[in-house]
Amino acid sequence: MSEALLVDTLVFTYLKYLTKKYLKKHNVRDWLRVIASNKDRNVYELRYFNIAENEGEEEE
């Protein structure tokens, strides 16, 4: 597994911006989201939206 260690906070916000831009360009931003996984906002994760749960709510 390869890892990249980034230290500057500005780099993290720019990385999040670039990730969102990439997801939008490839039309997957509707299914994936970028979130900060800790309170320092120096670790980001890609998570799926829970689409199956939302579909059940629309039918009602």
PDB file of N, CA and C in Angstrom:
ATOM      1  N   MET A   1       0.845  -1.166   0.000  1.00  0.00           N
ATOM      2  CA  MET A   1       0.000   0.000   0.000  1.00  0.00           C
ATOM      3  C   MET A   1       0.895   1.235   0.000  1.00  0.00           C
ATOM      4  N   SER A   2       0.604   2.184  -0.888  1.00  0.00           N
ATOM      5  CA  SER A   2       1.388   3.413  -0.924  1.00  0.00           C
ATOM      6  C   SER A   2       0.642   4.509  -0.177  1.00  0.00           C
ATOM      7  N   GLU A   3       1.371   5.333   0.510  1.00  0.00           N
ATOM      8  CA  GLU A   3       0.777   6.400   1.299  1.00  0.00           C
ATOM      9  C   GLU A   3       1.485   7.710   0.994  1.00  0.00           C
ATOM     10  N   ALA A   4       0.745   8.801   1.091  1.00  0.00           N
ATOM     11  CA  ALA A   4       1.319  10.129   0.940  1.00  0.00           C
ATOM     12  C   ALA A   4       1.068  10.889   2.233  1.00  0.00           C
ATOM     13  N   LEU A   5       2.087  11.497   2.764  1.00  0.00           N
ATOM     14  CA  LEU A   5       1.971  12.255   4.006  1.00  0.00           C
ATOM     15  C   LEU A   5       2.022  13.738   3.671  1.00  0.00           C
ATOM     16  N   LEU A   6       0.941  14.451   3.954  1.00  0.00           N
ATOM     17  CA  LEU A   6       0.866  15.883   3.708  1.00  0.00           C
ATOM     18  C   LEU A   6       0.766  16.601   5.043  1.00  0.00           C
ATOM     19  N   VAL A   7       1.475  17.704   5.178  1.00  0.00           N
ATOM     20  CA  VAL A   7       1.547  18.374   6.465  1.00  0.00           C
ATOM     21  C   VAL A   7       0.759  19.684   6.489  1.00  0.00           C
ATOM     22  N   ASP A   8       0.813  20.467   5.459  1.00  0.00           N
ATOM     23  CA  ASP A   8       0.196  21.792   5.437  1.00  0.00           C
ATOM     24  C   ASP A   8      -1.318  21.698   5.302  1.00  0.00           C
ATOM     25  N   THR A   9      -2.052  22.482   6.088  1.00  0.00           N
ATOM     26  CA  THR A   9      -3.515  22.484   6.050  1.00  0.00           C
ATOM     27  C   THR A   9      -4.024  22.989   4.710  1.00  0.00           C
ATOM     28  N   LEU A  10      -3.361  23.970   4.139  1.00  0.00           N
ATOM     29  CA  LEU A  10      -3.758  24.498   2.841  1.00  0.00           C
ATOM     30  C   LEU A  10      -3.691  23.419   1.770  1.00  0.00           C
ATOM     31  N   VAL A  11      -2.710  22.550   1.861  1.00  0.00           N
ATOM     32  CA  VAL A  11      -2.583  21.451   0.909  1.00  0.00           C
ATOM     33  C   VAL A  11      -3.792  20.530   1.008  1.00  0.00           C
ATOM     34  N   PHE A  12      -4.282  20.288   2.217  1.00  0.00           N
ATOM     35  CA  PHE A  12      -5.435  19.406   2.398  1.00  0.00           C
ATOM     36  C   PHE A  12      -6.695  20.001   1.784  1.00  0.00           C
ATOM     37  N   THR A  13      -6.919  21.293   1.982  1.00  0.00           N
ATOM     38  CA  THR A  13      -8.116  21.893   1.402  1.00  0.00           C
ATOM     39  C   THR A  13      -8.027  21.902  -0.113  1.00  0.00           C
ATOM     40  N   TYR A  14      -6.855  22.111  -0.659  1.00  0.00           N
ATOM     41  CA  TYR A  14      -6.676  22.082  -2.107  1.00  0.00           C
ATOM     42  C   TYR A  14      -6.855  20.663  -2.634  1.00  0.00           C
ATOM     43  N   LEU A  15      -6.367  19.689  -1.887  1.00  0.00           N
ATOM     44  CA  LEU A  15      -6.549  18.288  -2.270  1.00  0.00           C
ATOM     45  C   LEU A  15      -8.034  17.933  -2.291  1.00  0.00           C
ATOM     46  N   LYS A  16      -8.782  18.400  -1.306  1.00  0.00           N
ATOM     47  CA  LYS A  16     -10.225  18.154  -1.268  1.00  0.00           C
ATOM     48  C   LYS A  16     -10.899  18.812  -2.468  1.00  0.00           C
ATOM     49  N   TYR A  17     -10.509  20.033  -2.795  1.00  0.00           N
ATOM     50  CA  TYR A  17     -11.054  20.742  -3.950  1.00  0.00           C
ATOM     51  C   TYR A  17     -10.779  19.971  -5.240  1.00  0.00           C
ATOM     52  N   LEU A  18      -9.545  19.525  -5.428  1.00  0.00           N
ATOM     53  CA  LEU A  18      -9.194  18.784  -6.639  1.00  0.00           C
ATOM     54  C   LEU A  18      -9.939  17.460  -6.727  1.00  0.00           C
ATOM     55  N   THR A  19     -10.133  16.802  -5.590  1.00  0.00           N
ATOM     56  CA  THR A  19     -10.868  15.539  -5.575  1.00  0.00           C
ATOM     57  C   THR A  19     -12.315  15.757  -5.980  1.00  0.00           C
ATOM     58  N   LYS A  20     -12.945  16.790  -5.442  1.00  0.00           N
ATOM     59  CA  LYS A  20     -14.329  17.097  -5.810  1.00  0.00           C
ATOM     60  C   LYS A  20     -14.440  17.436  -7.294  1.00  0.00           C
ATOM     61  N   LYS A  21     -13.479  18.181  -7.803  1.00  0.00           N
ATOM     62  CA  LYS A  21     -13.475  18.550  -9.220  1.00  0.00           C
ATOM     63  C   LYS A  21     -13.338  17.300 -10.093  1.00  0.00           C
ATOM     64  N   TYR A  22     -12.465  16.378  -9.701  1.00  0.00           N
ATOM     65  CA  TYR A  22     -12.278  15.127 -10.438  1.00  0.00           C
ATOM     66  C   TYR A  22     -13.562  14.299 -10.434  1.00  0.00           C
ATOM     67  N   LEU A  23     -14.202  14.181  -9.274  1.00  0.00           N
ATOM     68  CA  LEU A  23     -15.439  13.408  -9.171  1.00  0.00           C
ATOM     69  C   LEU A  23     -16.536  14.010 -10.050  1.00  0.00           C
ATOM     70  N   LYS A  24     -16.616  15.325 -10.079  1.00  0.00           N
ATOM     71  CA  LYS A  24     -17.633  15.987 -10.902  1.00  0.00           C
ATOM     72  C   LYS A  24     -17.353  15.776 -12.384  1.00  0.00           C
ATOM     73  N   LYS A  25     -16.092  15.863 -12.779  1.00  0.00           N
ATOM     74  CA  LYS A  25     -15.711  15.688 -14.185  1.00  0.00           C
ATOM     75  C   LYS A  25     -16.068  14.299 -14.688  1.00  0.00           C
ATOM     76  N   HIS A  26     -15.931  13.296 -13.832  1.00  0.00           N
ATOM     77  CA  HIS A  26     -16.198  11.912 -14.220  1.00  0.00           C
ATOM     78  C   HIS A  26     -17.606  11.453 -13.833  1.00  0.00           C
ATOM     79  N   ASN A  27     -18.460  12.405 -13.485  1.00  0.00           N
ATOM     80  CA  ASN A  27     -19.880  12.151 -13.192  1.00  0.00           C
ATOM     81  C   ASN A  27     -20.116  11.117 -12.095  1.00  0.00           C
ATOM     82  N   VAL A  28     -19.288  11.117 -11.078  1.00  0.00           N
ATOM     83  CA  VAL A  28     -19.505  10.222  -9.933  1.00  0.00           C
ATOM     84  C   VAL A  28     -19.721  11.004  -8.637  1.00  0.00           C
ATOM     85  N   ARG A  29     -19.821  12.318  -8.744  1.00  0.00           N
ATOM     86  CA  ARG A  29     -20.018  13.130  -7.545  1.00  0.00           C
ATOM     87  C   ARG A  29     -21.390  12.901  -6.923  1.00  0.00           C
ATOM     88  N   ASP A  30     -22.344  12.392  -7.708  1.00  0.00           N
ATOM     89  CA  ASP A  30     -23.669  12.087  -7.174  1.00  0.00           C
ATOM     90  C   ASP A  30     -23.647  10.868  -6.259  1.00  0.00           C
ATOM     91  N   TRP A  31     -22.629  10.021  -6.383  1.00  0.00           N
ATOM     92  CA  TRP A  31     -22.568   8.785  -5.594  1.00  0.00           C
ATOM     93  C   TRP A  31     -21.476   8.798  -4.535  1.00  0.00           C
ATOM     94  N   LEU A  32     -20.465   9.615  -4.706  1.00  0.00           N
ATOM     95  CA  LEU A  32     -19.359   9.682  -3.755  1.00  0.00           C
ATOM     96  C   LEU A  32     -19.277  11.074  -3.157  1.00  0.00           C
ATOM     97  N   ARG A  33     -18.769  11.137  -1.946  1.00  0.00           N
ATOM     98  CA  ARG A  33     -18.529  12.434  -1.319  1.00  0.00           C
ATOM     99  C   ARG A  33     -17.188  12.404  -0.604  1.00  0.00           C
ATOM    100  N   VAL A  34     -16.595  13.557  -0.446  1.00  0.00           N
ATOM    101  CA  VAL A  34     -15.318  13.706   0.241  1.00  0.00           C
ATOM    102  C   VAL A  34     -15.616  14.298   1.604  1.00  0.00           C
ATOM    103  N   ILE A  35     -15.163  13.616   2.652  1.00  0.00           N
ATOM    104  CA  ILE A  35     -15.397  14.122   4.004  1.00  0.00           C
ATOM    105  C   ILE A  35     -14.095  14.116   4.792  1.00  0.00           C
ATOM    106  N   ALA A  36     -14.012  15.020   5.754  1.00  0.00           N
ATOM    107  CA  ALA A  36     -12.890  15.027   6.686  1.00  0.00           C
ATOM    108  C   ALA A  36     -13.228  14.022   7.779  1.00  0.00           C
ATOM    109  N   SER A  37     -12.351  13.058   7.993  1.00  0.00           N
ATOM    110  CA  SER A  37     -12.677  11.990   8.934  1.00  0.00           C
ATOM    111  C   SER A  37     -12.183  12.250  10.355  1.00  0.00           C
ATOM    112  N   ASN A  38     -11.521  13.379  10.591  1.00  0.00           N
ATOM    113  CA  ASN A  38     -11.176  13.741  11.966  1.00  0.00           C
ATOM    114  C   ASN A  38     -11.360  15.242  12.154  1.00  0.00           C
ATOM    115  N   LYS A  39     -11.349  15.699  13.377  1.00  0.00           N
ATOM    116  CA  LYS A  39     -11.662  17.107  13.647  1.00  0.00           C
ATOM    117  C   LYS A  39     -10.557  18.064  13.204  1.00  0.00           C
ATOM    118  N   ASP A  40      -9.352  17.582  13.018  1.00  0.00           N
ATOM    119  CA  ASP A  40      -8.262  18.440  12.544  1.00  0.00           C
ATOM    120  C   ASP A  40      -8.330  18.661  11.036  1.00  0.00           C
ATOM    121  N   ARG A  41      -9.207  17.929  10.367  1.00  0.00           N
ATOM    122  CA  ARG A  41      -9.410  18.021   8.915  1.00  0.00           C
ATOM    123  C   ARG A  41      -8.133  17.756   8.135  1.00  0.00           C
ATOM    124  N   ASN A  42      -7.338  16.815   8.614  1.00  0.00           N
ATOM    125  CA  ASN A  42      -6.135  16.459   7.879  1.00  0.00           C
ATOM    126  C   ASN A  42      -6.184  15.032   7.355  1.00  0.00           C
ATOM    127  N   VAL A  43      -7.341  14.388   7.480  1.00  0.00           N
ATOM    128  CA  VAL A  43      -7.551  13.061   6.904  1.00  0.00           C
ATOM    129  C   VAL A  43      -8.887  13.093   6.175  1.00  0.00           C
ATOM    130  N   TYR A  44      -8.871  12.766   4.898  1.00  0.00           N
ATOM    131  CA  TYR A  44     -10.088  12.770   4.096  1.00  0.00           C
ATOM    132  C   TYR A  44     -10.427  11.368   3.644  1.00  0.00           C
ATOM    133  N   GLU A  45     -11.712  11.110   3.489  1.00  0.00           N
ATOM    134  CA  GLU A  45     -12.194   9.814   3.014  1.00  0.00           C
ATOM    135  C   GLU A  45     -13.199  10.032   1.899  1.00  0.00           C
ATOM    136  N   LEU A  46     -13.281   9.061   1.006  1.00  0.00           N
ATOM    137  CA  LEU A  46     -14.349   9.028   0.014  1.00  0.00           C
ATOM    138  C   LEU A  46     -15.395   8.066   0.526  1.00  0.00           C
ATOM    139  N   ARG A  47     -16.639   8.508   0.588  1.00  0.00           N
ATOM    140  CA  ARG A  47     -17.721   7.648   1.066  1.00  0.00           C
ATOM    141  C   ARG A  47     -18.857   7.641   0.062  1.00  0.00           C
ATOM    142  N   TYR A  48     -19.544   6.502   0.002  1.00  0.00           N
ATOM    143  CA  TYR A  48     -20.712   6.382  -0.856  1.00  0.00           C
ATOM    144  C   TYR A  48     -21.913   6.992  -0.153  1.00  0.00           C
ATOM    145  N   PHE A  49     -22.798   7.623  -0.938  1.00  0.00           N
ATOM    146  CA  PHE A  49     -24.090   8.014  -0.404  1.00  0.00           C
ATOM    147  C   PHE A  49     -24.913   6.750  -0.242  1.00  0.00           C
ATOM    148  N   ASN A  50     -25.766   6.690   0.750  1.00  0.00           N
ATOM    149  CA  ASN A  50     -26.613   5.527   0.975  1.00  0.00           C
ATOM    150  C   ASN A  50     -27.855   5.668   0.093  1.00  0.00           C
ATOM    151  N   ILE A  51     -27.738   5.237  -1.152  1.00  0.00           N
ATOM    152  CA  ILE A  51     -28.795   5.421  -2.143  1.00  0.00           C
ATOM    153  C   ILE A  51     -29.987   4.514  -1.857  1.00  0.00           C
ATOM    154  N   ALA A  52     -29.759   3.302  -1.407  1.00  0.00           N
ATOM    155  CA  ALA A  52     -30.850   2.357  -1.149  1.00  0.00           C
ATOM    156  C   ALA A  52     -31.799   2.901  -0.085  1.00  0.00           C
ATOM    157  N   GLU A  53     -31.271   3.546   0.924  1.00  0.00           N
ATOM    158  CA  GLU A  53     -32.104   4.110   1.984  1.00  0.00           C
ATOM    159  C   GLU A  53     -32.932   5.279   1.450  1.00  0.00           C
ATOM    160  N   ASN A  54     -32.343   6.091   0.595  1.00  0.00           N
ATOM    161  CA  ASN A  54     -33.049   7.243   0.024  1.00  0.00           C
ATOM    162  C   ASN A  54     -34.149   6.813  -0.939  1.00  0.00           C
ATOM    163  N   GLU A  55     -33.978   5.707  -1.659  1.00  0.00           N
ATOM    164  CA  GLU A  55     -34.990   5.228  -2.594  1.00  0.00           C
ATOM    165  C   GLU A  55     -36.258   4.816  -1.861  1.00  0.00           C
ATOM    166  N   GLY A  56     -36.129   4.211  -0.692  1.00  0.00           N
ATOM    167  CA  GLY A  56     -37.283   3.801   0.092  1.00  0.00           C
ATOM    168  C   GLY A  56     -38.097   4.985   0.570  1.00  0.00           C
ATOM    169  N   GLU A  57     -37.441   6.084   0.867  1.00  0.00           N
ATOM    170  CA  GLU A  57     -38.133   7.280   1.329  1.00  0.00           C
ATOM    171  C   GLU A  57     -38.917   7.941   0.203  1.00  0.00           C
ATOM    172  N   GLU A  58     -38.418   7.864  -1.037  1.00  0.00           N
ATOM    173  CA  GLU A  58     -39.088   8.503  -2.163  1.00  0.00           C
ATOM    174  C   GLU A  58     -40.383   7.800  -2.526  1.00  0.00           C
ATOM    175  N   GLU A  59     -40.480   6.499  -2.275  1.00  0.00           N
ATOM    176  CA  GLU A  59     -41.661   5.735  -2.646  1.00  0.00           C
ATOM    177  C   GLU A  59     -42.856   6.060  -1.765  1.00  0.00           C
ATOM    178  N   GLU A  60     -42.634   6.553  -0.575  1.00  0.00           N
ATOM    179  CA  GLU A  60     -43.722   6.824   0.367  1.00  0.00           C
ATOM    180  C   GLU A  60     -44.559   8.005  -0.010  1.00  0.00           C
TER     181      GLU A  60
END
